[in-house]
């Protein structure tokens, strides 16, 4: 999509009632930066988040893009699984923890609303993951997002993981989840997370995303609405806008 198309989608997402729009990855390209900046300044009614690797230049670029937003968020991430640290980052756990804390602290010095994702969380040693989550909260993260980056986990496993995180951090931060659909379980995993303490679900319209896609917004919203008695959770989504939003994305 070009910048004008992204603006059109962002305005429709506000009508839909989403809480947070992750508008883009500002350091990725001048076009992505411009799209995030314009959405941040022109779209009202939702928190506008900019994505950034746990790198100083990324975080400062994200801040430049969302600094004029009435409600701005920096979402930064760093891998925590041993396989990623060994082969992708070539660092050890201690260094990954140190970088994550430092960059959350930097982001928090720029904005009040900081989200952190330990990438590949579902293949990360649980005790280490808990230590990272606790450390970034202490550094200023108000949302910790637990990604199933490669679509690896199952509902029972993921629910147990979210429950362990909730037990460790209590109400000190919102637990978010970001599930991929490689095994066709992204919605089921997200719903399991909600049952076990997650307060935010990262999802996409029509489930569109890399590889097999992400958690489908319309499916999780309707599951929570139809079975409110079971999940005991609600969203502010205006379900009458789902079809219009879906058709807009499909073009």
C-alpha atoms as a PDB file:
ATOM      1  CA  UNK A   1       0.000   0.000   0.000  1.00  0.00           C
ATOM      2  CA  UNK A   2       1.094   3.563  -0.603  1.00  0.00           C
ATOM      3  CA  UNK A   3       0.902   6.262   2.081  1.00  0.00           C
ATOM      4  CA  UNK A   4      -2.583   7.476   1.147  1.00  0.00           C
ATOM      5  CA  UNK A   5      -3.934   3.925   1.183  1.00  0.00           C
ATOM      6  CA  UNK A   6      -2.396   3.334   4.611  1.00  0.00           C
ATOM      7  CA  UNK A   7      -4.055   6.505   5.882  1.00  0.00           C
ATOM      8  CA  UNK A   8      -7.389   5.301   4.559  1.00  0.00           C
ATOM      9  CA  UNK A   9      -6.960   1.966   6.341  1.00  0.00           C
ATOM     10  CA  UNK A  10      -5.921   3.665   9.591  1.00  0.00           C
ATOM     11  CA  UNK A  11      -9.023   5.876   9.564  1.00  0.00           C
ATOM     12  CA  UNK A  12     -11.193   2.819   8.990  1.00  0.00           C
ATOM     13  CA  UNK A  13      -9.494   1.003  11.873  1.00  0.00           C
ATOM     14  CA  UNK A  14     -10.512   3.876  14.146  1.00  0.00           C
ATOM     15  CA  UNK A  15     -14.107   3.480  12.962  1.00  0.00           C
ATOM     16  CA  UNK A  16     -13.760  -0.223  13.652  1.00  0.00           C
ATOM     17  CA  UNK A  17     -12.799   0.590  17.232  1.00  0.00           C
ATOM     18  CA  UNK A  18      -9.273  -0.775  17.541  1.00  0.00           C
ATOM     19  CA  UNK A  19      -7.279   0.388  20.561  1.00  0.00           C
ATOM     20  CA  UNK A  20      -3.804   0.402  18.999  1.00  0.00           C
ATOM     21  CA  UNK A  21      -2.723   0.731  15.376  1.00  0.00           C
ATOM     22  CA  UNK A  22       0.785  -0.539  14.719  1.00  0.00           C
ATOM     23  CA  UNK A  23       1.370   1.780  11.791  1.00  0.00           C
ATOM     24  CA  UNK A  24       4.732   0.566  10.539  1.00  0.00           C
ATOM     25  CA  UNK A  25       8.476   0.211  10.926  1.00  0.00           C
ATOM     26  CA  UNK A  26       9.841   3.757  10.489  1.00  0.00           C
ATOM     27  CA  UNK A  27      13.494   2.862   9.986  1.00  0.00           C
ATOM     28  CA  UNK A  28      12.688   0.337   7.244  1.00  0.00           C
ATOM     29  CA  UNK A  29      12.319   2.944   4.495  1.00  0.00           C
ATOM     30  CA  UNK A  30      11.517   6.626   3.905  1.00  0.00           C
ATOM     31  CA  UNK A  31       8.052   5.552   2.734  1.00  0.00           C
ATOM     32  CA  UNK A  32       7.351   3.612   5.914  1.00  0.00           C
ATOM     33  CA  UNK A  33       8.565   6.529   8.024  1.00  0.00           C
ATOM     34  CA  UNK A  34       6.303   8.943   6.157  1.00  0.00           C
ATOM     35  CA  UNK A  35       3.297   6.640   6.504  1.00  0.00           C
ATOM     36  CA  UNK A  36       3.771   6.286  10.272  1.00  0.00           C
ATOM     37  CA  UNK A  37       4.380  10.019  10.690  1.00  0.00           C
ATOM     38  CA  UNK A  38       1.261  10.984   8.761  1.00  0.00           C
ATOM     39  CA  UNK A  39      -0.920   8.434  10.521  1.00  0.00           C
ATOM     40  CA  UNK A  40       0.415   9.666  13.877  1.00  0.00           C
ATOM     41  CA  UNK A  41      -0.418  13.282  13.068  1.00  0.00           C
ATOM     42  CA  UNK A  42      -3.618  12.892  11.032  1.00  0.00           C
ATOM     43  CA  UNK A  43      -5.461   9.938  12.595  1.00  0.00           C
ATOM     44  CA  UNK A  44      -7.153  10.478  15.955  1.00  0.00           C
ATOM     45  CA  UNK A  45      -8.925   8.028  18.233  1.00  0.00           C
ATOM     46  CA  UNK A  46      -6.366   5.239  18.697  1.00  0.00           C
ATOM     47  CA  UNK A  47      -2.858   4.802  20.042  1.00  0.00           C
ATOM     48  CA  UNK A  48      -0.388   4.875  17.145  1.00  0.00           C
ATOM     49  CA  UNK A  49       2.532   2.498  17.593  1.00  0.00           C
ATOM     50  CA  UNK A  50       5.826   2.474  15.718  1.00  0.00           C
ATOM     51  CA  UNK A  51       7.888  -0.697  15.546  1.00  0.00           C
ATOM     52  CA  UNK A  52      11.611  -0.636  16.317  1.00  0.00           C
ATOM     53  CA  UNK A  53      14.346  -3.180  16.783  1.00  0.00           C
ATOM     54  CA  UNK A  54      16.179  -2.931  20.104  1.00  0.00           C
ATOM     55  CA  UNK A  55      18.662  -0.543  18.516  1.00  0.00           C
ATOM     56  CA  UNK A  56      19.205   3.113  19.348  1.00  0.00           C
ATOM     57  CA  UNK A  57      18.832   4.301  15.753  1.00  0.00           C
ATOM     58  CA  UNK A  58      15.551   2.383  15.338  1.00  0.00           C
ATOM     59  CA  UNK A  59      14.055   3.760  18.521  1.00  0.00           C
ATOM     60  CA  UNK A  60      15.008   7.342  17.753  1.00  0.00           C
ATOM     61  CA  UNK A  61      13.571   6.998  14.253  1.00  0.00           C
ATOM     62  CA  UNK A  62      10.351   5.559  15.686  1.00  0.00           C
ATOM     63  CA  UNK A  63      10.132   8.507  18.077  1.00  0.00           C
ATOM     64  CA  UNK A  64      10.556  10.987  15.220  1.00  0.00           C
ATOM     65  CA  UNK A  65       7.642   9.308  13.429  1.00  0.00           C
ATOM     66  CA  UNK A  66       5.154   9.275  16.324  1.00  0.00           C
ATOM     67  CA  UNK A  67       6.241  12.234  18.450  1.00  0.00           C
ATOM     68  CA  UNK A  68       3.272  14.388  17.382  1.00  0.00           C
ATOM     69  CA  UNK A  69       0.654  11.702  17.976  1.00  0.00           C
ATOM     70  CA  UNK A  70      -1.860  12.468  20.739  1.00  0.00           C
ATOM     71  CA  UNK A  71      -1.326   8.870  21.858  1.00  0.00           C
ATOM     72  CA  UNK A  72       1.995   7.420  20.717  1.00  0.00           C
ATOM     73  CA  UNK A  73       3.720   4.133  21.501  1.00  0.00           C
ATOM     74  CA  UNK A  74       7.124   2.680  20.719  1.00  0.00           C
ATOM     75  CA  UNK A  75       7.116  -1.103  20.306  1.00  0.00           C
ATOM     76  CA  UNK A  76      10.612  -2.512  20.461  1.00  0.00           C
ATOM     77  CA  UNK A  77      11.730  -6.117  20.218  1.00  0.00           C
ATOM     78  CA  UNK A  78      14.700  -8.417  20.633  1.00  0.00           C
ATOM     79  CA  UNK A  79      14.981 -12.171  20.209  1.00  0.00           C
ATOM     80  CA  UNK A  80      15.322 -14.315  23.310  1.00  0.00           C
ATOM     81  CA  UNK A  81      15.384 -17.913  22.016  1.00  0.00           C
ATOM     82  CA  UNK A  82      18.751 -19.656  22.061  1.00  0.00           C
ATOM     83  CA  UNK A  83      18.460 -20.568  18.381  1.00  0.00           C
ATOM     84  CA  UNK A  84      17.969 -16.928  17.386  1.00  0.00           C
ATOM     85  CA  UNK A  85      20.656 -15.648  19.736  1.00  0.00           C
ATOM     86  CA  UNK A  86      23.204 -18.184  18.471  1.00  0.00           C
ATOM     87  CA  UNK A  87      22.603 -18.045  14.736  1.00  0.00           C
ATOM     88  CA  UNK A  88      20.945 -14.673  14.086  1.00  0.00           C
ATOM     89  CA  UNK A  89      22.412 -12.349  16.710  1.00  0.00           C
ATOM     90  CA  UNK A  90      25.561 -14.258  17.712  1.00  0.00           C
ATOM     91  CA  UNK A  91      25.309 -13.106  21.323  1.00  0.00           C
ATOM     92  CA  UNK A  92      24.550 -14.809  24.626  1.00  0.00           C
ATOM     93  CA  UNK A  93      21.556 -14.483  26.923  1.00  0.00           C
ATOM     94  CA  UNK A  94      23.177 -11.919  29.204  1.00  0.00           C
ATOM     95  CA  UNK A  95      23.915  -9.589  26.299  1.00  0.00           C
ATOM     96  CA  UNK A  96      20.385  -9.956  24.920  1.00  0.00           C
ATOM     97  CA  UNK A  97      18.940  -9.066  28.309  1.00  0.00           C
ATOM     98  CA  UNK A  98      21.264  -6.084  28.654  1.00  0.00           C
ATOM     99  CA  UNK A  99      20.345  -4.742  25.198  1.00  0.00           C
ATOM    100  CA  UNK A 100      16.624  -5.240  25.784  1.00  0.00           C
ATOM    101  CA  UNK A 101      16.669  -3.351  29.083  1.00  0.00           C
ATOM    102  CA  UNK A 102      18.793  -0.515  27.722  1.00  0.00           C
ATOM    103  CA  UNK A 103      16.580   0.035  24.693  1.00  0.00           C
ATOM    104  CA  UNK A 104      13.346  -0.120  26.682  1.00  0.00           C
ATOM    105  CA  UNK A 105      14.857   2.460  29.011  1.00  0.00           C
ATOM    106  CA  UNK A 106      15.731   4.659  26.011  1.00  0.00           C
ATOM    107  CA  UNK A 107      12.230   4.324  24.556  1.00  0.00           C
ATOM    108  CA  UNK A 108      10.697   5.135  27.938  1.00  0.00           C
ATOM    109  CA  UNK A 109      12.764   8.332  28.090  1.00  0.00           C
ATOM    110  CA  UNK A 110      10.996   9.431  24.895  1.00  0.00           C
ATOM    111  CA  UNK A 111       7.416   8.226  25.393  1.00  0.00           C
ATOM    112  CA  UNK A 112       5.283   7.060  28.296  1.00  0.00           C
ATOM    113  CA  UNK A 113       3.862   4.077  26.397  1.00  0.00           C
ATOM    114  CA  UNK A 114       6.440   1.385  25.627  1.00  0.00           C
ATOM    115  CA  UNK A 115       5.804  -2.172  24.472  1.00  0.00           C
ATOM    116  CA  UNK A 116       8.473  -4.860  24.409  1.00  0.00           C
ATOM    117  CA  UNK A 117       8.451  -8.189  22.565  1.00  0.00           C
ATOM    118  CA  UNK A 118      10.829 -11.051  23.329  1.00  0.00           C
ATOM    119  CA  UNK A 119      10.874 -12.423  19.799  1.00  0.00           C
ATOM    120  CA  UNK A 120      10.529 -16.196  19.394  1.00  0.00           C
ATOM    121  CA  UNK A 121       9.211 -16.350  22.955  1.00  0.00           C
ATOM    122  CA  UNK A 122       7.572 -19.741  22.541  1.00  0.00           C
ATOM    123  CA  UNK A 123      10.949 -21.357  21.818  1.00  0.00           C
ATOM    124  CA  UNK A 124      12.681 -19.488  24.646  1.00  0.00           C
ATOM    125  CA  UNK A 125      13.678 -21.096  27.937  1.00  0.00           C
ATOM    126  CA  UNK A 126      10.783 -20.233  30.249  1.00  0.00           C
ATOM    127  CA  UNK A 127      12.850 -19.118  33.237  1.00  0.00           C
ATOM    128  CA  UNK A 128      14.984 -16.865  31.048  1.00  0.00           C
ATOM    129  CA  UNK A 129      11.865 -15.461  29.374  1.00  0.00           C
ATOM    130  CA  UNK A 130      10.374 -14.633  32.776  1.00  0.00           C
ATOM    131  CA  UNK A 131      13.600 -12.876  33.773  1.00  0.00           C
ATOM    132  CA  UNK A 132      13.579 -10.796  30.565  1.00  0.00           C
ATOM    133  CA  UNK A 133       9.921  -9.854  30.966  1.00  0.00           C
ATOM    134  CA  UNK A 134      10.443  -8.769  34.552  1.00  0.00           C
ATOM    135  CA  UNK A 135      13.553  -6.766  33.669  1.00  0.00           C
ATOM    136  CA  UNK A 136      11.953  -4.814  30.807  1.00  0.00           C
ATOM    137  CA  UNK A 137       8.944  -3.973  32.972  1.00  0.00           C
ATOM    138  CA  UNK A 138      11.329  -2.587  35.590  1.00  0.00           C
ATOM    139  CA  UNK A 139      12.971  -0.570  32.789  1.00  0.00           C
ATOM    140  CA  UNK A 140       9.666   1.020  31.783  1.00  0.00           C
ATOM    141  CA  UNK A 141       7.673  -1.300  29.505  1.00  0.00           C
ATOM    142  CA  UNK A 142       3.953  -1.070  30.224  1.00  0.00           C
ATOM    143  CA  UNK A 143       3.036  -3.824  27.746  1.00  0.00           C
ATOM    144  CA  UNK A 144       4.934  -7.079  27.260  1.00  0.00           C
ATOM    145  CA  UNK A 145       4.029  -8.845  24.046  1.00  0.00           C
ATOM    146  CA  UNK A 146       4.633 -12.591  23.826  1.00  0.00           C
ATOM    147  CA  UNK A 147       5.095 -13.604  20.175  1.00  0.00           C
ATOM    148  CA  UNK A 148       4.750 -17.070  18.727  1.00  0.00           C
ATOM    149  CA  UNK A 149       7.068 -15.876  15.985  1.00  0.00           C
ATOM    150  CA  UNK A 150       7.277 -19.062  13.947  1.00  0.00           C
ATOM    151  CA  UNK A 151       3.782 -20.405  14.668  1.00  0.00           C
ATOM    152  CA  UNK A 152       5.205 -23.185  16.817  1.00  0.00           C
ATOM    153  CA  UNK A 153       3.102 -23.449  19.959  1.00  0.00           C
ATOM    154  CA  UNK A 154      -0.225 -25.077  20.845  1.00  0.00           C
ATOM    155  CA  UNK A 155      -3.137 -23.710  22.910  1.00  0.00           C
ATOM    156  CA  UNK A 156      -2.379 -25.729  26.045  1.00  0.00           C
ATOM    157  CA  UNK A 157       1.339 -24.867  25.959  1.00  0.00           C
ATOM    158  CA  UNK A 158       0.723 -21.205  25.237  1.00  0.00           C
ATOM    159  CA  UNK A 159      -1.924 -20.882  27.922  1.00  0.00           C
ATOM    160  CA  UNK A 160       0.473 -22.371  30.455  1.00  0.00           C
ATOM    161  CA  UNK A 161       3.192 -19.912  29.408  1.00  0.00           C
ATOM    162  CA  UNK A 162       0.906 -16.886  29.696  1.00  0.00           C
ATOM    163  CA  UNK A 163      -0.319 -18.116  33.071  1.00  0.00           C
ATOM    164  CA  UNK A 164       3.294 -18.365  34.292  1.00  0.00           C
ATOM    165  CA  UNK A 165       4.025 -14.820  33.110  1.00  0.00           C
ATOM    166  CA  UNK A 166       0.860 -13.490  34.747  1.00  0.00           C
ATOM    167  CA  UNK A 167       1.804 -15.180  38.003  1.00  0.00           C
ATOM    168  CA  UNK A 168       5.272 -13.592  37.844  1.00  0.00           C
ATOM    169  CA  UNK A 169       4.307 -10.014  36.934  1.00  0.00           C
ATOM    170  CA  UNK A 170       0.774  -9.647  38.261  1.00  0.00           C
ATOM    171  CA  UNK A 171      -0.734  -6.341  37.142  1.00  0.00           C
ATOM    172  CA  UNK A 172       2.547  -4.490  36.623  1.00  0.00           C
ATOM    173  CA  UNK A 173       2.113  -4.584  32.839  1.00  0.00           C
ATOM    174  CA  UNK A 174      -0.392  -5.649  30.205  1.00  0.00           C
ATOM    175  CA  UNK A 175       0.344  -9.060  28.719  1.00  0.00           C
ATOM    176  CA  UNK A 176      -0.085  -9.038  24.947  1.00  0.00           C
ATOM    177  CA  UNK A 177       0.174 -11.906  22.479  1.00  0.00           C
ATOM    178  CA  UNK A 178       1.140 -12.065  18.813  1.00  0.00           C
ATOM    179  CA  UNK A 179       0.431 -15.414  17.177  1.00  0.00           C
ATOM    180  CA  UNK A 180       1.232 -16.738  13.713  1.00  0.00           C
ATOM    181  CA  UNK A 181      -0.870 -19.260  11.834  1.00  0.00           C
ATOM    182  CA  UNK A 182       1.709 -21.734  10.501  1.00  0.00           C
ATOM    183  CA  UNK A 183      -0.126 -24.623  12.186  1.00  0.00           C
ATOM    184  CA  UNK A 184      -3.568 -23.032  11.877  1.00  0.00           C
ATOM    185  CA  UNK A 185      -3.636 -22.291  15.628  1.00  0.00           C
ATOM    186  CA  UNK A 186      -3.149 -18.530  15.868  1.00  0.00           C
ATOM    187  CA  UNK A 187      -6.725 -17.770  16.939  1.00  0.00           C
ATOM    188  CA  UNK A 188      -6.894 -20.774  19.276  1.00  0.00           C
ATOM    189  CA  UNK A 189      -3.575 -19.821  20.850  1.00  0.00           C
ATOM    190  CA  UNK A 190      -4.678 -16.207  21.294  1.00  0.00           C
ATOM    191  CA  UNK A 191      -7.942 -17.272  22.913  1.00  0.00           C
ATOM    192  CA  UNK A 192      -6.056 -19.580  25.255  1.00  0.00           C
ATOM    193  CA  UNK A 193      -3.880 -16.609  26.192  1.00  0.00           C
ATOM    194  CA  UNK A 194      -6.944 -14.497  26.982  1.00  0.00           C
ATOM    195  CA  UNK A 195      -8.208 -17.237  29.304  1.00  0.00           C
ATOM    196  CA  UNK A 196      -4.875 -17.169  31.120  1.00  0.00           C
ATOM    197  CA  UNK A 197      -4.359 -13.459  31.649  1.00  0.00           C
ATOM    198  CA  UNK A 198      -3.565 -11.732  28.357  1.00  0.00           C
ATOM    199  CA  UNK A 199      -5.144  -8.298  28.056  1.00  0.00           C
ATOM    200  CA  UNK A 200      -4.134  -7.451  24.474  1.00  0.00           C
ATOM    201  CA  UNK A 201      -4.210  -9.501  21.289  1.00  0.00           C
ATOM    202  CA  UNK A 202      -2.211  -8.392  18.271  1.00  0.00           C
ATOM    203  CA  UNK A 203      -4.131  -9.424  15.185  1.00  0.00           C
ATOM    204  CA  UNK A 204      -4.691  -8.496  11.557  1.00  0.00           C
ATOM    205  CA  UNK A 205      -7.672  -7.892   9.310  1.00  0.00           C
ATOM    206  CA  UNK A 206      -8.504 -11.075   7.390  1.00  0.00           C
ATOM    207  CA  UNK A 207      -5.594 -12.770   9.195  1.00  0.00           C
ATOM    208  CA  UNK A 208      -3.199 -11.317   6.611  1.00  0.00           C
ATOM    209  CA  UNK A 209       0.470 -11.611   7.528  1.00  0.00           C
ATOM    210  CA  UNK A 210       3.765 -13.172   6.584  1.00  0.00           C
ATOM    211  CA  UNK A 211       3.927 -16.892   5.794  1.00  0.00           C
ATOM    212  CA  UNK A 212       0.563 -18.441   6.788  1.00  0.00           C
ATOM    213  CA  UNK A 213      -0.717 -15.219   8.348  1.00  0.00           C
ATOM    214  CA  UNK A 214      -1.507 -13.851  11.797  1.00  0.00           C
ATOM    215  CA  UNK A 215      -4.357 -14.146  14.244  1.00  0.00           C
ATOM    216  CA  UNK A 216      -7.529 -13.070  12.433  1.00  0.00           C
ATOM    217  CA  UNK A 217      -9.088  -9.989  14.037  1.00  0.00           C
ATOM    218  CA  UNK A 218     -12.616 -10.840  12.959  1.00  0.00           C
ATOM    219  CA  UNK A 219     -12.405 -14.421  14.229  1.00  0.00           C
ATOM    220  CA  UNK A 220     -11.086 -13.551  17.670  1.00  0.00           C
ATOM    221  CA  UNK A 221     -13.517 -10.648  18.083  1.00  0.00           C
ATOM    222  CA  UNK A 222     -16.512 -12.797  17.220  1.00  0.00           C
ATOM    223  CA  UNK A 223     -15.304 -15.646  19.443  1.00  0.00           C
ATOM    224  CA  UNK A 224     -15.015 -13.273  22.406  1.00  0.00           C
ATOM    225  CA  UNK A 225     -18.375 -11.694  21.642  1.00  0.00           C
ATOM    226  CA  UNK A 226     -20.291 -14.908  20.960  1.00  0.00           C
ATOM    227  CA  UNK A 227     -18.812 -16.736  23.964  1.00  0.00           C
ATOM    228  CA  UNK A 228     -18.545 -13.834  26.398  1.00  0.00           C
ATOM    229  CA  UNK A 229     -19.880 -16.201  29.045  1.00  0.00           C
ATOM    230  CA  UNK A 230     -16.839 -18.447  28.608  1.00  0.00           C
ATOM    231  CA  UNK A 231     -13.978 -16.030  27.958  1.00  0.00           C
ATOM    232  CA  UNK A 232     -15.170 -13.235  30.280  1.00  0.00           C
ATOM    233  CA  UNK A 233     -13.462 -10.692  28.024  1.00  0.00           C
ATOM    234  CA  UNK A 234     -14.680  -7.910  25.766  1.00  0.00           C
ATOM    235  CA  UNK A 235     -13.381  -5.637  23.035  1.00  0.00           C
ATOM    236  CA  UNK A 236     -14.578  -2.233  21.839  1.00  0.00           C
ATOM    237  CA  UNK A 237     -14.742  -3.396  18.236  1.00  0.00           C
ATOM    238  CA  UNK A 238     -17.769  -2.178  16.296  1.00  0.00           C
ATOM    239  CA  UNK A 239     -18.657  -5.453  14.584  1.00  0.00           C
ATOM    240  CA  UNK A 240     -20.848  -3.621  12.048  1.00  0.00           C
ATOM    241  CA  UNK A 241     -17.628  -2.232  10.549  1.00  0.00           C
ATOM    242  CA  UNK A 242     -15.914  -5.611  10.077  1.00  0.00           C
ATOM    243  CA  UNK A 243     -17.182  -6.277   6.551  1.00  0.00           C
ATOM    244  CA  UNK A 244     -16.370  -2.777   5.350  1.00  0.00           C
ATOM    245  CA  UNK A 245     -12.862  -3.065   6.811  1.00  0.00           C
ATOM    246  CA  UNK A 246     -12.315  -6.513   5.319  1.00  0.00           C
ATOM    247  CA  UNK A 247     -13.354  -5.341   1.860  1.00  0.00           C
ATOM    248  CA  UNK A 248     -11.121  -2.273   2.118  1.00  0.00           C
ATOM    249  CA  UNK A 249      -8.091  -4.452   2.846  1.00  0.00           C
ATOM    250  CA  UNK A 250      -8.907  -6.795  -0.004  1.00  0.00           C
ATOM    251  CA  UNK A 251      -9.164  -3.842  -2.357  1.00  0.00           C
END
